[in-house]
Amino acid sequence: MKFDCLDGCLDRHQYPASSTELIDEHGDQTIELQNGTETVGEVLARLGEQTYEAPEDVYTDLRSAVGHEAIGRRGYSDRDAPALGETGPTQLSF
């Protein structure tokens, strides 16, 4: 996930700021994902009305609320054992 397109605009925004303010000001900015793109507005709208105290809070929410296009292979994990009722690879011990 790349925030290069934001070019520090979230860092320069005045805080505290509501998600509505951020969407109005920066909502059309595009976030590059593994398998596509989303706008800041699309991602923040998913979270409902929020108040952000600092830009780090906005980046945290952006990272946590992007769609499935942000991951490589959906449902893939080479670390987790299969859940009950699922079949998976035979576990190996090294």
N, C-alpha and C. Protein backbone atom coordinates (compact mmCIF):
# COMPACT_ATOMS: atom_id res chain seq x y z
N MET A 1 0.85 -1.16 0.00
CA MET A 1 0.00 0.00 0.00
C MET A 1 0.90 1.22 0.00
N LYS A 2 0.64 2.15 -0.91
CA LYS A 2 1.47 3.33 -1.02
C LYS A 2 0.66 4.59 -0.78
N PHE A 3 1.17 5.44 0.11
CA PHE A 3 0.55 6.72 0.39
C PHE A 3 1.30 7.86 -0.30
N ASP A 4 2.16 7.54 -1.26
CA ASP A 4 2.95 8.56 -1.94
C ASP A 4 2.08 9.66 -2.53
N CYS A 5 0.92 9.28 -3.01
CA CYS A 5 0.03 10.23 -3.68
C CYS A 5 -0.46 11.32 -2.72
N LEU A 6 -0.45 11.04 -1.43
CA LEU A 6 -0.91 12.03 -0.46
C LEU A 6 0.11 13.14 -0.27
N ASP A 7 1.37 12.88 -0.60
CA ASP A 7 2.43 13.90 -0.60
C ASP A 7 2.43 14.76 0.67
N GLY A 8 2.16 14.13 1.80
CA GLY A 8 2.22 14.85 3.07
C GLY A 8 1.02 15.73 3.37
N CYS A 9 -0.02 15.70 2.52
CA CYS A 9 -1.16 16.60 2.74
C CYS A 9 -1.88 16.29 4.05
N LEU A 10 -1.93 15.02 4.45
CA LEU A 10 -2.55 14.69 5.73
C LEU A 10 -1.70 15.20 6.89
N ASP A 11 -0.39 15.22 6.71
CA ASP A 11 0.51 15.74 7.75
C ASP A 11 0.32 17.24 7.95
N ARG A 12 0.01 17.95 6.89
CA ARG A 12 -0.14 19.41 6.96
C ARG A 12 -1.54 19.85 7.36
N HIS A 13 -2.49 18.92 7.38
CA HIS A 13 -3.87 19.25 7.73
C HIS A 13 -3.93 19.67 9.20
N GLN A 14 -4.87 20.57 9.54
CA GLN A 14 -5.05 21.01 10.93
C GLN A 14 -5.83 19.95 11.72
N TYR A 15 -5.32 19.59 12.89
CA TYR A 15 -5.97 18.60 13.76
C TYR A 15 -6.33 19.25 15.07
N PRO A 16 -7.39 18.78 15.74
CA PRO A 16 -8.25 17.65 15.40
C PRO A 16 -9.07 17.94 14.14
N ALA A 17 -9.39 16.86 13.44
CA ALA A 17 -10.16 16.96 12.20
C ALA A 17 -11.15 15.81 12.13
N SER A 18 -12.31 16.10 11.61
CA SER A 18 -13.32 15.04 11.44
C SER A 18 -13.07 14.32 10.13
N SER A 19 -13.61 13.12 10.04
CA SER A 19 -13.47 12.37 8.79
C SER A 19 -14.19 13.10 7.65
N THR A 20 -15.27 13.81 7.95
CA THR A 20 -15.97 14.58 6.92
C THR A 20 -15.06 15.66 6.35
N GLU A 21 -14.35 16.37 7.23
CA GLU A 21 -13.41 17.40 6.77
C GLU A 21 -12.31 16.79 5.89
N LEU A 22 -11.77 15.67 6.34
CA LEU A 22 -10.69 15.03 5.59
C LEU A 22 -11.18 14.52 4.23
N ILE A 23 -12.38 13.98 4.19
CA ILE A 23 -12.95 13.50 2.93
C ILE A 23 -13.18 14.68 1.98
N ASP A 24 -13.72 15.78 2.52
CA ASP A 24 -13.96 16.97 1.69
C ASP A 24 -12.65 17.52 1.12
N GLU A 25 -11.61 17.52 1.94
CA GLU A 25 -10.33 18.12 1.54
C GLU A 25 -9.45 17.17 0.71
N HIS A 26 -9.41 15.87 1.09
CA HIS A 26 -8.44 14.95 0.49
C HIS A 26 -9.07 13.66 -0.05
N GLY A 27 -10.39 13.60 -0.07
CA GLY A 27 -11.09 12.37 -0.44
C GLY A 27 -10.81 11.84 -1.82
N ASP A 28 -10.41 12.71 -2.75
CA ASP A 28 -10.16 12.25 -4.11
C ASP A 28 -8.75 11.71 -4.32
N GLN A 29 -7.92 11.76 -3.29
CA GLN A 29 -6.55 11.23 -3.39
C GLN A 29 -6.59 9.71 -3.51
N THR A 30 -5.80 9.16 -4.40
CA THR A 30 -5.81 7.72 -4.67
C THR A 30 -4.72 7.00 -3.88
N ILE A 31 -5.10 5.89 -3.28
CA ILE A 31 -4.16 5.02 -2.56
C ILE A 31 -3.88 3.82 -3.46
N GLU A 32 -2.62 3.55 -3.72
CA GLU A 32 -2.24 2.40 -4.55
C GLU A 32 -2.19 1.15 -3.68
N LEU A 33 -2.93 0.14 -4.11
CA LEU A 33 -3.00 -1.13 -3.38
C LEU A 33 -2.34 -2.23 -4.19
N GLN A 34 -2.18 -3.38 -3.58
CA GLN A 34 -1.58 -4.54 -4.25
C GLN A 34 -2.28 -4.88 -5.55
N ASN A 35 -3.61 -4.87 -5.52
CA ASN A 35 -4.39 -5.28 -6.70
C ASN A 35 -5.41 -4.23 -7.11
N GLY A 36 -5.03 -2.97 -7.10
CA GLY A 36 -5.96 -1.93 -7.51
C GLY A 36 -5.71 -0.63 -6.77
N THR A 37 -6.74 0.20 -6.73
CA THR A 37 -6.66 1.48 -6.04
C THR A 37 -7.97 1.76 -5.32
N GLU A 38 -7.91 2.65 -4.35
CA GLU A 38 -9.08 3.18 -3.67
C GLU A 38 -8.78 4.63 -3.35
N THR A 39 -9.81 5.42 -3.13
CA THR A 39 -9.59 6.80 -2.73
C THR A 39 -9.65 6.91 -1.22
N VAL A 40 -9.04 7.96 -0.72
CA VAL A 40 -9.08 8.24 0.72
C VAL A 40 -10.54 8.36 1.16
N GLY A 41 -11.35 9.01 0.35
CA GLY A 41 -12.77 9.18 0.68
C GLY A 41 -13.51 7.86 0.82
N GLU A 42 -13.25 6.92 -0.08
CA GLU A 42 -13.92 5.61 -0.01
C GLU A 42 -13.56 4.89 1.27
N VAL A 43 -12.28 4.93 1.62
CA VAL A 43 -11.82 4.20 2.80
C VAL A 43 -12.35 4.85 4.08
N LEU A 44 -12.22 6.17 4.21
CA LEU A 44 -12.69 6.83 5.43
C LEU A 44 -14.20 6.76 5.59
N ALA A 45 -14.95 6.79 4.48
CA ALA A 45 -16.41 6.71 4.55
C ALA A 45 -16.85 5.37 5.13
N ARG A 46 -16.08 4.32 4.89
CA ARG A 46 -16.37 2.99 5.42
C ARG A 46 -16.39 2.97 6.95
N LEU A 47 -15.66 3.88 7.57
CA LEU A 47 -15.50 3.88 9.02
C LEU A 47 -16.52 4.73 9.75
N GLY A 48 -17.33 5.48 9.02
CA GLY A 48 -18.28 6.37 9.66
C GLY A 48 -17.59 7.61 10.19
N GLU A 49 -18.33 8.43 10.90
CA GLU A 49 -17.80 9.70 11.40
C GLU A 49 -16.79 9.47 12.52
N GLN A 50 -15.59 10.00 12.34
CA GLN A 50 -14.51 9.88 13.31
C GLN A 50 -13.90 11.27 13.52
N THR A 51 -13.25 11.43 14.66
CA THR A 51 -12.44 12.62 14.90
C THR A 51 -11.01 12.17 15.09
N TYR A 52 -10.11 12.78 14.33
CA TYR A 52 -8.70 12.40 14.36
C TYR A 52 -7.89 13.49 15.04
N GLU A 53 -7.05 13.07 15.97
CA GLU A 53 -6.21 14.00 16.73
C GLU A 53 -4.87 14.26 16.06
N ALA A 54 -4.43 13.36 15.19
CA ALA A 54 -3.11 13.48 14.56
C ALA A 54 -3.12 12.71 13.24
N PRO A 55 -2.20 13.05 12.33
CA PRO A 55 -2.16 12.35 11.04
C PRO A 55 -1.89 10.86 11.19
N GLU A 56 -1.14 10.46 12.20
CA GLU A 56 -0.86 9.03 12.40
C GLU A 56 -2.15 8.24 12.61
N ASP A 57 -3.14 8.88 13.26
CA ASP A 57 -4.43 8.22 13.48
C ASP A 57 -5.15 7.97 12.15
N VAL A 58 -5.04 8.93 11.24
CA VAL A 58 -5.66 8.78 9.92
C VAL A 58 -4.99 7.65 9.15
N TYR A 59 -3.65 7.64 9.15
CA TYR A 59 -2.92 6.59 8.43
C TYR A 59 -3.25 5.20 9.00
N THR A 60 -3.38 5.11 10.32
CA THR A 60 -3.73 3.83 10.94
C THR A 60 -5.09 3.35 10.43
N ASP A 61 -6.07 4.26 10.42
CA ASP A 61 -7.40 3.88 9.94
C ASP A 61 -7.39 3.56 8.45
N LEU A 62 -6.61 4.28 7.67
CA LEU A 62 -6.53 3.98 6.23
C LEU A 62 -5.96 2.58 6.01
N ARG A 63 -4.93 2.23 6.77
CA ARG A 63 -4.33 0.89 6.63
C ARG A 63 -5.30 -0.21 7.04
N SER A 64 -6.09 0.06 8.07
CA SER A 64 -6.96 -1.00 8.59
C SER A 64 -8.28 -1.14 7.85
N ALA A 65 -8.66 -0.15 7.03
CA ALA A 65 -9.99 -0.19 6.42
C ALA A 65 -9.98 -0.33 4.90
N VAL A 66 -8.81 -0.50 4.30
CA VAL A 66 -8.79 -0.69 2.84
C VAL A 66 -9.47 -2.02 2.49
N GLY A 67 -9.91 -2.12 1.27
CA GLY A 67 -10.60 -3.31 0.81
C GLY A 67 -9.66 -4.48 0.54
N HIS A 68 -10.24 -5.56 0.06
CA HIS A 68 -9.48 -6.79 -0.19
C HIS A 68 -8.43 -6.63 -1.29
N GLU A 69 -8.51 -5.55 -2.05
CA GLU A 69 -7.51 -5.31 -3.10
C GLU A 69 -6.12 -5.03 -2.51
N ALA A 70 -6.07 -4.79 -1.22
CA ALA A 70 -4.80 -4.46 -0.57
C ALA A 70 -3.97 -5.69 -0.23
N ILE A 71 -4.57 -6.86 -0.35
CA ILE A 71 -3.82 -8.07 -0.02
C ILE A 71 -3.49 -8.85 -1.28
N GLY A 72 -2.45 -9.62 -1.22
CA GLY A 72 -2.03 -10.40 -2.38
C GLY A 72 -3.01 -11.50 -2.70
N ARG A 73 -2.99 -12.58 -1.94
CA ARG A 73 -3.86 -13.73 -2.18
C ARG A 73 -4.84 -13.84 -1.03
N ARG A 74 -6.11 -13.61 -1.31
CA ARG A 74 -7.14 -13.66 -0.26
C ARG A 74 -7.21 -15.04 0.37
N GLY A 75 -7.29 -15.05 1.69
CA GLY A 75 -7.43 -16.30 2.42
C GLY A 75 -6.16 -17.11 2.55
N TYR A 76 -5.06 -16.63 1.98
CA TYR A 76 -3.82 -17.40 2.02
C TYR A 76 -3.04 -17.09 3.30
N SER A 77 -2.55 -18.12 3.92
CA SER A 77 -1.64 -17.98 5.04
C SER A 77 -0.73 -19.19 5.07
N ASP A 78 0.53 -18.95 5.15
CA ASP A 78 1.45 -20.07 5.26
C ASP A 78 1.83 -20.32 6.73
N ARG A 79 1.16 -19.65 7.63
CA ARG A 79 1.49 -19.77 9.04
C ARG A 79 0.38 -20.40 9.88
N ASP A 80 -0.85 -20.17 9.51
CA ASP A 80 -1.97 -20.65 10.33
C ASP A 80 -2.35 -22.08 9.96
N ALA A 81 -2.65 -22.84 10.97
CA ALA A 81 -3.18 -24.19 10.73
C ALA A 81 -4.60 -24.05 10.19
N PRO A 82 -5.08 -25.02 9.42
CA PRO A 82 -6.45 -24.94 8.90
C PRO A 82 -7.45 -24.88 10.06
N ALA A 83 -8.53 -24.15 9.84
CA ALA A 83 -9.60 -24.07 10.84
C ALA A 83 -10.38 -25.38 10.83
N LEU A 84 -11.19 -25.59 11.86
CA LEU A 84 -12.02 -26.79 11.93
C LEU A 84 -12.87 -26.89 10.68
N GLY A 85 -12.90 -28.05 10.07
CA GLY A 85 -13.68 -28.27 8.87
C GLY A 85 -12.96 -27.95 7.58
N GLU A 86 -11.79 -27.36 7.68
CA GLU A 86 -11.01 -27.05 6.48
C GLU A 86 -9.91 -28.07 6.31
N THR A 87 -9.52 -28.29 5.09
CA THR A 87 -8.36 -29.12 4.84
C THR A 87 -7.24 -28.22 4.37
N GLY A 88 -6.07 -28.60 4.66
CA GLY A 88 -4.93 -27.77 4.27
C GLY A 88 -3.71 -28.64 4.08
N PRO A 89 -2.59 -28.02 3.88
CA PRO A 89 -1.35 -28.78 3.68
C PRO A 89 -0.97 -29.54 4.95
N THR A 90 -0.27 -30.63 4.76
CA THR A 90 0.24 -31.40 5.89
C THR A 90 1.32 -30.58 6.60
N GLN A 91 1.19 -30.47 7.91
CA GLN A 91 2.15 -29.69 8.68
C GLN A 91 3.51 -30.40 8.69
N LEU A 92 4.55 -29.64 8.48
CA LEU A 92 5.90 -30.16 8.53
C LEU A 92 6.65 -29.55 9.69
N SER A 93 7.49 -30.32 10.31
CA SER A 93 8.31 -29.80 11.40
C SER A 93 9.75 -29.84 10.92
N PHE A 94 10.44 -28.74 11.06
CA PHE A 94 11.84 -28.67 10.63
C PHE A 94 12.78 -28.79 11.77
